Amino acid sequence: MTGRIVRNRCLRLVAAGGLLALLGLASGCTSAVRAYQRERLTDRIMSFQADAKATARRMKTLESREGSTGGSGGAGGGCACN
C-alpha cells in the first residue's frame, strides 16, 4: 500500500510538472507584436545573413548614389504602402 501511495504522488508531480511546462510553452505563442515593434523587426540588420551590416551599408550607398530606394528584391514591411 505504501508503494502505491508513493507511485501516485510521483505521477501527480510528473503530471503537474508536465502541465506547468505545457502552459509555459503555450504562453510564449500568445505574445503579439505591436505595430511600433514591427519596424524594428523588419530592419535589414535583423536578417539571417552573416554580413547583414555590410550589405545594408552597401545598399545605403547604392541608394544614395542612384537617388532612389527599393527595386532590390524584398517587399515592404507589411503596411501596404509599397
PDB file of N, CA and C in Angstrom:
ATOM      1  N   MET A   1       0.816  -1.189   0.000  1.00  0.00           N
ATOM      2  CA  MET A   1       0.000   0.000   0.000  1.00  0.00           C
ATOM      3  C   MET A   1       0.863   1.257   0.000  1.00  0.00           C
ATOM      4  N   THR A   2       1.976   1.254   0.688  1.00  0.00           N
ATOM      5  CA  THR A   2       2.855   2.415   0.734  1.00  0.00           C
ATOM      6  C   THR A   2       3.464   2.689  -0.638  1.00  0.00           C
ATOM      7  N   GLY A   3       3.800   1.621  -1.358  1.00  0.00           N
ATOM      8  CA  GLY A   3       4.348   1.787  -2.704  1.00  0.00           C
ATOM      9  C   GLY A   3       3.347   2.417  -3.654  1.00  0.00           C
ATOM     10  N   ARG A   4       2.106   2.103  -3.469  1.00  0.00           N
ATOM     11  CA  ARG A   4       1.054   2.664  -4.312  1.00  0.00           C
ATOM     12  C   ARG A   4       0.890   4.164  -4.044  1.00  0.00           C
ATOM     13  N   ILE A   5       0.972   4.562  -2.795  1.00  0.00           N
ATOM     14  CA  ILE A   5       0.844   5.978  -2.425  1.00  0.00           C
ATOM     15  C   ILE A   5       2.011   6.782  -2.993  1.00  0.00           C
ATOM     16  N   VAL A   6       3.212   6.221  -2.877  1.00  0.00           N
ATOM     17  CA  VAL A   6       4.402   6.903  -3.415  1.00  0.00           C
ATOM     18  C   VAL A   6       4.295   7.023  -4.928  1.00  0.00           C
ATOM     19  N   ARG A   7       3.837   5.964  -5.580  1.00  0.00           N
ATOM     20  CA  ARG A   7       3.692   5.985  -7.034  1.00  0.00           C
ATOM     21  C   ARG A   7       2.655   7.020  -7.463  1.00  0.00           C
ATOM     22  N   ASN A   8       1.555   7.120  -6.736  1.00  0.00           N
ATOM     23  CA  ASN A   8       0.526   8.115  -7.058  1.00  0.00           C
ATOM     24  C   ASN A   8       1.058   9.530  -6.880  1.00  0.00           C
ATOM     25  N   ARG A   9       1.836   9.764  -5.836  1.00  0.00           N
ATOM     26  CA  ARG A   9       2.429  11.096  -5.625  1.00  0.00           C
ATOM     27  C   ARG A   9       3.400  11.442  -6.741  1.00  0.00           C
ATOM     28  N   CYS A  10       4.193  10.456  -7.121  1.00  0.00           N
ATOM     29  CA  CYS A  10       5.145  10.691  -8.219  1.00  0.00           C
ATOM     30  C   CYS A  10       4.410  11.006  -9.521  1.00  0.00           C
ATOM     31  N   LEU A  11       3.351  10.264  -9.786  1.00  0.00           N
ATOM     32  CA  LEU A  11       2.585  10.521 -11.002  1.00  0.00           C
ATOM     33  C   LEU A  11       1.938  11.901 -10.978  1.00  0.00           C
ATOM     34  N   ARG A  12       1.448  12.296  -9.816  1.00  0.00           N
ATOM     35  CA  ARG A  12       0.860  13.632  -9.702  1.00  0.00           C
ATOM     36  C   ARG A  12       1.906  14.718  -9.905  1.00  0.00           C
ATOM     37  N   LEU A  13       3.099  14.528  -9.347  1.00  0.00           N
ATOM     38  CA  LEU A  13       4.172  15.512  -9.531  1.00  0.00           C
ATOM     39  C   LEU A  13       4.595  15.604 -10.994  1.00  0.00           C
ATOM     40  N   VAL A  14       4.699  14.454 -11.637  1.00  0.00           N
ATOM     41  CA  VAL A  14       5.076  14.447 -13.060  1.00  0.00           C
ATOM     42  C   VAL A  14       3.988  15.109 -13.898  1.00  0.00           C
ATOM     43  N   ALA A  15       2.729  14.811 -13.594  1.00  0.00           N
ATOM     44  CA  ALA A  15       1.627  15.419 -14.332  1.00  0.00           C
ATOM     45  C   ALA A  15       1.584  16.930 -14.106  1.00  0.00           C
ATOM     46  N   ALA A  16       1.802  17.365 -12.859  1.00  0.00           N
ATOM     47  CA  ALA A  16       1.804  18.800 -12.568  1.00  0.00           C
ATOM     48  C   ALA A  16       2.973  19.495 -13.261  1.00  0.00           C
ATOM     49  N   GLY A  17       4.139  18.848 -13.259  1.00  0.00           N
ATOM     50  CA  GLY A  17       5.298  19.415 -13.954  1.00  0.00           C
ATOM     51  C   GLY A  17       5.072  19.514 -15.452  1.00  0.00           C
ATOM     52  N   GLY A  18       4.465  18.470 -16.023  1.00  0.00           N
ATOM     53  CA  GLY A  18       4.156  18.496 -17.451  1.00  0.00           C
ATOM     54  C   GLY A  18       3.155  19.576 -17.799  1.00  0.00           C
ATOM     55  N   LEU A  19       2.164  19.751 -16.934  1.00  0.00           N
ATOM     56  CA  LEU A  19       1.169  20.790 -17.163  1.00  0.00           C
ATOM     57  C   LEU A  19       1.792  22.178 -17.084  1.00  0.00           C
ATOM     58  N   LEU A  20       2.668  22.384 -16.098  1.00  0.00           N
ATOM     59  CA  LEU A  20       3.347  23.677 -15.987  1.00  0.00           C
ATOM     60  C   LEU A  20       4.247  23.937 -17.191  1.00  0.00           C
ATOM     61  N   ALA A  21       4.938  22.914 -17.653  1.00  0.00           N
ATOM     62  CA  ALA A  21       5.790  23.078 -18.827  1.00  0.00           C
ATOM     63  C   ALA A  21       4.957  23.398 -20.066  1.00  0.00           C
ATOM     64  N   LEU A  22       3.827  22.726 -20.216  1.00  0.00           N
ATOM     65  CA  LEU A  22       2.944  22.984 -21.353  1.00  0.00           C
ATOM     66  C   LEU A  22       2.389  24.399 -21.306  1.00  0.00           C
ATOM     67  N   LEU A  23       1.990  24.855 -20.132  1.00  0.00           N
ATOM     68  CA  LEU A  23       1.489  26.223 -20.000  1.00  0.00           C
ATOM     69  C   LEU A  23       2.581  27.246 -20.277  1.00  0.00           C
ATOM     70  N   GLY A  24       3.790  26.950 -19.828  1.00  0.00           N
ATOM     71  CA  GLY A  24       4.908  27.855 -20.094  1.00  0.00           C
ATOM     72  C   GLY A  24       5.224  27.966 -21.576  1.00  0.00           C
ATOM     73  N   LEU A  25       5.182  26.841 -22.277  1.00  0.00           N
ATOM     74  CA  LEU A  25       5.438  26.869 -23.717  1.00  0.00           C
ATOM     75  C   LEU A  25       4.307  27.542 -24.480  1.00  0.00           C
ATOM     76  N   ALA A  26       3.084  27.313 -24.058  1.00  0.00           N
ATOM     77  CA  ALA A  26       1.934  27.891 -24.756  1.00  0.00           C
ATOM     78  C   ALA A  26       1.842  29.394 -24.539  1.00  0.00           C
ATOM     79  N   SER A  27       2.329  29.877 -23.421  1.00  0.00           N
ATOM     80  CA  SER A  27       2.223  31.317 -23.161  1.00  0.00           C
ATOM     81  C   SER A  27       3.152  32.124 -24.065  1.00  0.00           C
ATOM     82  N   GLY A  28       4.217  31.524 -24.567  1.00  0.00           N
ATOM     83  CA  GLY A  28       5.114  32.221 -25.472  1.00  0.00           C
ATOM     84  C   GLY A  28       4.488  32.490 -26.827  1.00  0.00           C
ATOM     85  N   CYS A  29       3.509  31.722 -27.203  1.00  0.00           N
ATOM     86  CA  CYS A  29       2.860  31.870 -28.501  1.00  0.00           C
ATOM     87  C   CYS A  29       1.781  32.955 -28.498  1.00  0.00           C
ATOM     88  N   THR A  30       1.395  33.425 -27.346  1.00  0.00           N
ATOM     89  CA  THR A  30       0.296  34.368 -27.282  1.00  0.00           C
ATOM     90  C   THR A  30       0.753  35.819 -27.308  1.00  0.00           C
ATOM     91  N   SER A  31       2.051  36.062 -27.233  1.00  0.00           N
ATOM     92  CA  SER A  31       2.501  37.452 -27.234  1.00  0.00           C
ATOM     93  C   SER A  31       2.442  38.005 -28.656  1.00  0.00           C
ATOM     94  N   ALA A  32       1.764  39.096 -28.822  1.00  0.00           N
ATOM     95  CA  ALA A  32       1.594  39.710 -30.139  1.00  0.00           C
ATOM     96  C   ALA A  32       2.631  40.812 -30.332  1.00  0.00           C
ATOM     97  N   VAL A  33       3.056  40.983 -31.556  1.00  0.00           N
ATOM     98  CA  VAL A  33       3.987  42.048 -31.885  1.00  0.00           C
ATOM     99  C   VAL A  33       3.166  43.292 -32.200  1.00  0.00           C
ATOM    100  N   ARG A  34       3.439  44.351 -31.503  1.00  0.00           N
ATOM    101  CA  ARG A  34       2.701  45.597 -31.715  1.00  0.00           C
ATOM    102  C   ARG A  34       3.215  46.301 -32.964  1.00  0.00           C
ATOM    103  N   ALA A  35       2.413  47.226 -33.464  1.00  0.00           N
ATOM    104  CA  ALA A  35       2.731  47.908 -34.724  1.00  0.00           C
ATOM    105  C   ALA A  35       4.041  48.673 -34.635  1.00  0.00           C
ATOM    106  N   TYR A  36       4.308  49.311 -33.521  1.00  0.00           N
ATOM    107  CA  TYR A  36       5.543  50.089 -33.411  1.00  0.00           C
ATOM    108  C   TYR A  36       6.767  49.185 -33.242  1.00  0.00           C
ATOM    109  N   GLN A  37       6.588  47.910 -32.920  1.00  0.00           N
ATOM    110  CA  GLN A  37       7.701  46.980 -32.805  1.00  0.00           C
ATOM    111  C   GLN A  37       8.043  46.337 -34.149  1.00  0.00           C
ATOM    112  N   ARG A  38       7.121  46.339 -35.084  1.00  0.00           N
ATOM    113  CA  ARG A  38       7.358  45.706 -36.380  1.00  0.00           C
ATOM    114  C   ARG A  38       8.433  46.427 -37.175  1.00  0.00           C
ATOM    115  N   GLU A  39       8.525  47.731 -36.998  1.00  0.00           N
ATOM    116  CA  GLU A  39       9.539  48.487 -37.728  1.00  0.00           C
ATOM    117  C   GLU A  39      10.932  47.972 -37.387  1.00  0.00           C
ATOM    118  N   ARG A  40      11.159  47.688 -36.128  1.00  0.00           N
ATOM    119  CA  ARG A  40      12.465  47.196 -35.698  1.00  0.00           C
ATOM    120  C   ARG A  40      12.707  45.763 -36.173  1.00  0.00           C
ATOM    121  N   LEU A  41      11.665  44.967 -36.233  1.00  0.00           N
ATOM    122  CA  LEU A  41      11.820  43.576 -36.648  1.00  0.00           C
ATOM    123  C   LEU A  41      12.034  43.438 -38.147  1.00  0.00           C
ATOM    124  N   THR A  42      11.573  44.394 -38.945  1.00  0.00           N
ATOM    125  CA  THR A  42      11.763  44.311 -40.389  1.00  0.00           C
ATOM    126  C   THR A  42      13.002  45.050 -40.858  1.00  0.00           C
ATOM    127  N   ASP A  43      13.833  45.481 -39.929  1.00  0.00           N
ATOM    128  CA  ASP A  43      15.068  46.166 -40.274  1.00  0.00           C
ATOM    129  C   ASP A  43      16.002  45.199 -41.012  1.00  0.00           C
ATOM    130  N   ARG A  44      16.771  45.693 -41.947  1.00  0.00           N
ATOM    131  CA  ARG A  44      17.689  44.844 -42.718  1.00  0.00           C
ATOM    132  C   ARG A  44      18.749  44.211 -41.838  1.00  0.00           C
ATOM    133  N   ILE A  45      19.108  44.876 -40.780  1.00  0.00           N
ATOM    134  CA  ILE A  45      20.131  44.355 -39.889  1.00  0.00           C
ATOM    135  C   ILE A  45      19.651  43.069 -39.207  1.00  0.00           C
ATOM    136  N   MET A  46      18.317  42.888 -39.085  1.00  0.00           N
ATOM    137  CA  MET A  46      17.767  41.722 -38.399  1.00  0.00           C
ATOM    138  C   MET A  46      17.683  40.493 -39.308  1.00  0.00           C
ATOM    139  N   SER A  47      18.266  40.543 -40.505  1.00  0.00           N
ATOM    140  CA  SER A  47      18.198  39.403 -41.413  1.00  0.00           C
ATOM    141  C   SER A  47      19.148  38.303 -40.960  1.00  0.00           C
ATOM    142  N   PHE A  48      19.018  37.133 -41.552  1.00  0.00           N
ATOM    143  CA  PHE A  48      19.817  35.986 -41.159  1.00  0.00           C
ATOM    144  C   PHE A  48      21.123  35.875 -41.932  1.00  0.00           C
ATOM    145  N   GLN A  49      21.491  36.882 -42.668  1.00  0.00           N
ATOM    146  CA  GLN A  49      22.732  36.845 -43.419  1.00  0.00           C
ATOM    147  C   GLN A  49      23.907  37.105 -42.491  1.00  0.00           C
ATOM    148  N   ALA A  50      25.051  36.537 -42.821  1.00  0.00           N
ATOM    149  CA  ALA A  50      26.234  36.706 -41.979  1.00  0.00           C
ATOM    150  C   ALA A  50      26.769  38.136 -42.072  1.00  0.00           C
ATOM    151  N   ASP A  51      26.664  38.746 -43.222  1.00  0.00           N
ATOM    152  CA  ASP A  51      27.197  40.101 -43.416  1.00  0.00           C
ATOM    153  C   ASP A  51      26.070  41.102 -43.624  1.00  0.00           C
ATOM    154  N   ALA A  52      25.071  41.064 -42.760  1.00  0.00           N
ATOM    155  CA  ALA A  52      23.891  41.918 -42.931  1.00  0.00           C
ATOM    156  C   ALA A  52      24.247  43.398 -42.819  1.00  0.00           C
ATOM    157  N   LYS A  53      25.151  43.735 -41.906  1.00  0.00           N
ATOM    158  CA  LYS A  53      25.522  45.147 -41.749  1.00  0.00           C
ATOM    159  C   LYS A  53      26.262  45.657 -42.984  1.00  0.00           C
ATOM    160  N   ALA A  54      27.150  44.841 -43.507  1.00  0.00           N
ATOM    161  CA  ALA A  54      27.885  45.251 -44.706  1.00  0.00           C
ATOM    162  C   ALA A  54      26.935  45.392 -45.891  1.00  0.00           C
ATOM    163  N   THR A  55      25.999  44.478 -46.027  1.00  0.00           N
ATOM    164  CA  THR A  55      25.028  44.557 -47.115  1.00  0.00           C
ATOM    165  C   THR A  55      24.144  45.789 -46.970  1.00  0.00           C
ATOM    166  N   ALA A  56      23.739  46.107 -45.744  1.00  0.00           N
ATOM    167  CA  ALA A  56      22.903  47.281 -45.513  1.00  0.00           C
ATOM    168  C   ALA A  56      23.675  48.554 -45.848  1.00  0.00           C
ATOM    169  N   ARG A  57      24.952  48.609 -45.460  1.00  0.00           N
ATOM    170  CA  ARG A  57      25.768  49.790 -45.791  1.00  0.00           C
ATOM    171  C   ARG A  57      25.947  49.924 -47.301  1.00  0.00           C
ATOM    172  N   ARG A  58      26.179  48.784 -47.967  1.00  0.00           N
ATOM    173  CA  ARG A  58      26.359  48.798 -49.416  1.00  0.00           C
ATOM    174  C   ARG A  58      25.087  49.279 -50.117  1.00  0.00           C
ATOM    175  N   MET A  59      23.916  48.798 -49.660  1.00  0.00           N
ATOM    176  CA  MET A  59      22.647  49.221 -50.257  1.00  0.00           C
ATOM    177  C   MET A  59      22.377  50.696 -49.985  1.00  0.00           C
ATOM    178  N   LYS A  60      22.711  51.183 -48.800  1.00  0.00           N
ATOM    179  CA  LYS A  60      22.513  52.607 -48.493  1.00  0.00           C
ATOM    180  C   LYS A  60      23.377  53.473 -49.403  1.00  0.00           C
ATOM    181  N   THR A  61      24.605  53.037 -49.625  1.00  0.00           N
ATOM    182  CA  THR A  61      25.491  53.772 -50.526  1.00  0.00           C
ATOM    183  C   THR A  61      24.940  53.755 -51.952  1.00  0.00           C
ATOM    184  N   LEU A  62      24.493  52.602 -52.392  1.00  0.00           N
ATOM    185  CA  LEU A  62      23.938  52.485 -53.749  1.00  0.00           C
ATOM    186  C   LEU A  62      22.683  53.335 -53.903  1.00  0.00           C
ATOM    187  N   GLU A  63      21.807  53.302 -52.885  1.00  0.00           N
ATOM    188  CA  GLU A  63      20.573  54.078 -52.965  1.00  0.00           C
ATOM    189  C   GLU A  63      20.851  55.574 -52.979  1.00  0.00           C
ATOM    190  N   SER A  64      21.817  56.013 -52.204  1.00  0.00           N
ATOM    191  CA  SER A  64      22.119  57.445 -52.203  1.00  0.00           C
ATOM    192  C   SER A  64      22.800  57.861 -53.504  1.00  0.00           C
ATOM    193  N   ARG A  65      23.564  56.973 -54.083  1.00  0.00           N
ATOM    194  CA  ARG A  65      24.225  57.269 -55.345  1.00  0.00           C
ATOM    195  C   ARG A  65      23.225  57.299 -56.489  1.00  0.00           C
ATOM    196  N   GLU A  66      22.272  56.374 -56.467  1.00  0.00           N
ATOM    197  CA  GLU A  66      21.277  56.292 -57.521  1.00  0.00           C
ATOM    198  C   GLU A  66      20.149  57.296 -57.348  1.00  0.00           C
ATOM    199  N   GLY A  67      19.921  57.750 -56.122  1.00  0.00           N
ATOM    200  CA  GLY A  67      18.847  58.696 -55.873  1.00  0.00           C
ATOM    201  C   GLY A  67      17.488  58.033 -55.739  1.00  0.00           C
ATOM    202  N   SER A  68      17.478  56.737 -55.504  1.00  0.00           N
ATOM    203  CA  SER A  68      16.204  56.032 -55.344  1.00  0.00           C
ATOM    204  C   SER A  68      16.393  54.880 -54.368  1.00  0.00           C
ATOM    205  N   THR A  69      15.278  54.398 -53.856  1.00  0.00           N
ATOM    206  CA  THR A  69      15.332  53.245 -52.966  1.00  0.00           C
ATOM    207  C   THR A  69      14.441  52.155 -53.514  1.00  0.00           C
ATOM    208  N   GLY A  70      14.693  50.926 -53.066  1.00  0.00           N
ATOM    209  CA  GLY A  70      13.866  49.804 -53.484  1.00  0.00           C
ATOM    210  C   GLY A  70      14.321  49.188 -54.776  1.00  0.00           C
ATOM    211  N   GLY A  71      13.544  48.256 -55.271  1.00  0.00           N
ATOM    212  CA  GLY A  71      13.860  47.592 -56.506  1.00  0.00           C
ATOM    213  C   GLY A  71      14.932  46.533 -56.369  1.00  0.00           C
ATOM    214  N   SER A  72      15.315  46.217 -55.136  1.00  0.00           N
ATOM    215  CA  SER A  72      16.381  45.238 -54.960  1.00  0.00           C
ATOM    216  C   SER A  72      15.846  43.900 -54.455  1.00  0.00           C
ATOM    217  N   GLY A  73      14.571  43.683 -54.509  1.00  0.00           N
ATOM    218  CA  GLY A  73      14.057  42.370 -54.135  1.00  0.00           C
ATOM    219  C   GLY A  73      12.887  42.430 -53.193  1.00  0.00           C
ATOM    220  N   GLY A  74      13.134  42.506 -51.890  1.00  0.00           N
ATOM    221  CA  GLY A  74      12.113  42.339 -50.867  1.00  0.00           C
ATOM    222  C   GLY A  74      11.016  43.376 -50.917  1.00  0.00           C
ATOM    223  N   ALA A  75       9.871  42.949 -50.420  1.00  0.00           N
ATOM    224  CA  ALA A  75       8.719  43.852 -50.366  1.00  0.00           C
ATOM    225  C   ALA A  75       8.797  44.720 -49.120  1.00  0.00           C
ATOM    226  N   GLY A  76       7.798  45.539 -48.929  1.00  0.00           N
ATOM    227  CA  GLY A  76       7.768  46.447 -47.778  1.00  0.00           C
ATOM    228  C   GLY A  76       7.540  45.714 -46.470  1.00  0.00           C
ATOM    229  N   GLY A  77       7.323  46.473 -45.425  1.00  0.00           N
ATOM    230  CA  GLY A  77       7.181  45.911 -44.099  1.00  0.00           C
ATOM    231  C   GLY A  77       5.780  45.447 -43.764  1.00  0.00           C
ATOM    232  N   GLY A  78       4.889  45.332 -44.707  1.00  0.00           N
ATOM    233  CA  GLY A  78       3.547  44.849 -44.440  1.00  0.00           C
ATOM    234  C   GLY A  78       2.538  45.949 -44.186  1.00  0.00           C
ATOM    235  N   CYS A  79       2.912  47.189 -44.446  1.00  0.00           N
ATOM    236  CA  CYS A  79       1.982  48.286 -44.178  1.00  0.00           C
ATOM    237  C   CYS A  79       1.168  48.658 -45.430  1.00  0.00           C
ATOM    238  N   ALA A  80       1.360  47.963 -46.518  1.00  0.00           N
ATOM    239  CA  ALA A  80       0.640  48.172 -47.776  1.00  0.00           C
ATOM    240  C   ALA A  80       0.895  49.547 -48.379  1.00  0.00           C
ATOM    241  N   CYS A  81       2.075  50.085 -48.156  1.00  0.00           N
ATOM    242  CA  CYS A  81       2.416  51.399 -48.718  1.00  0.00           C
ATOM    243  C   CYS A  81       3.534  51.273 -49.734  1.00  0.00           C
ATOM    244  N   ASN A  82       3.541  50.200 -50.494  1.00  0.00           N
ATOM    245  CA  ASN A  82       4.605  49.992 -51.478  1.00  0.00           C
ATOM    246  C   ASN A  82       4.516  50.961 -52.619  1.00  0.00           C
TER     247      ASN A  82
END
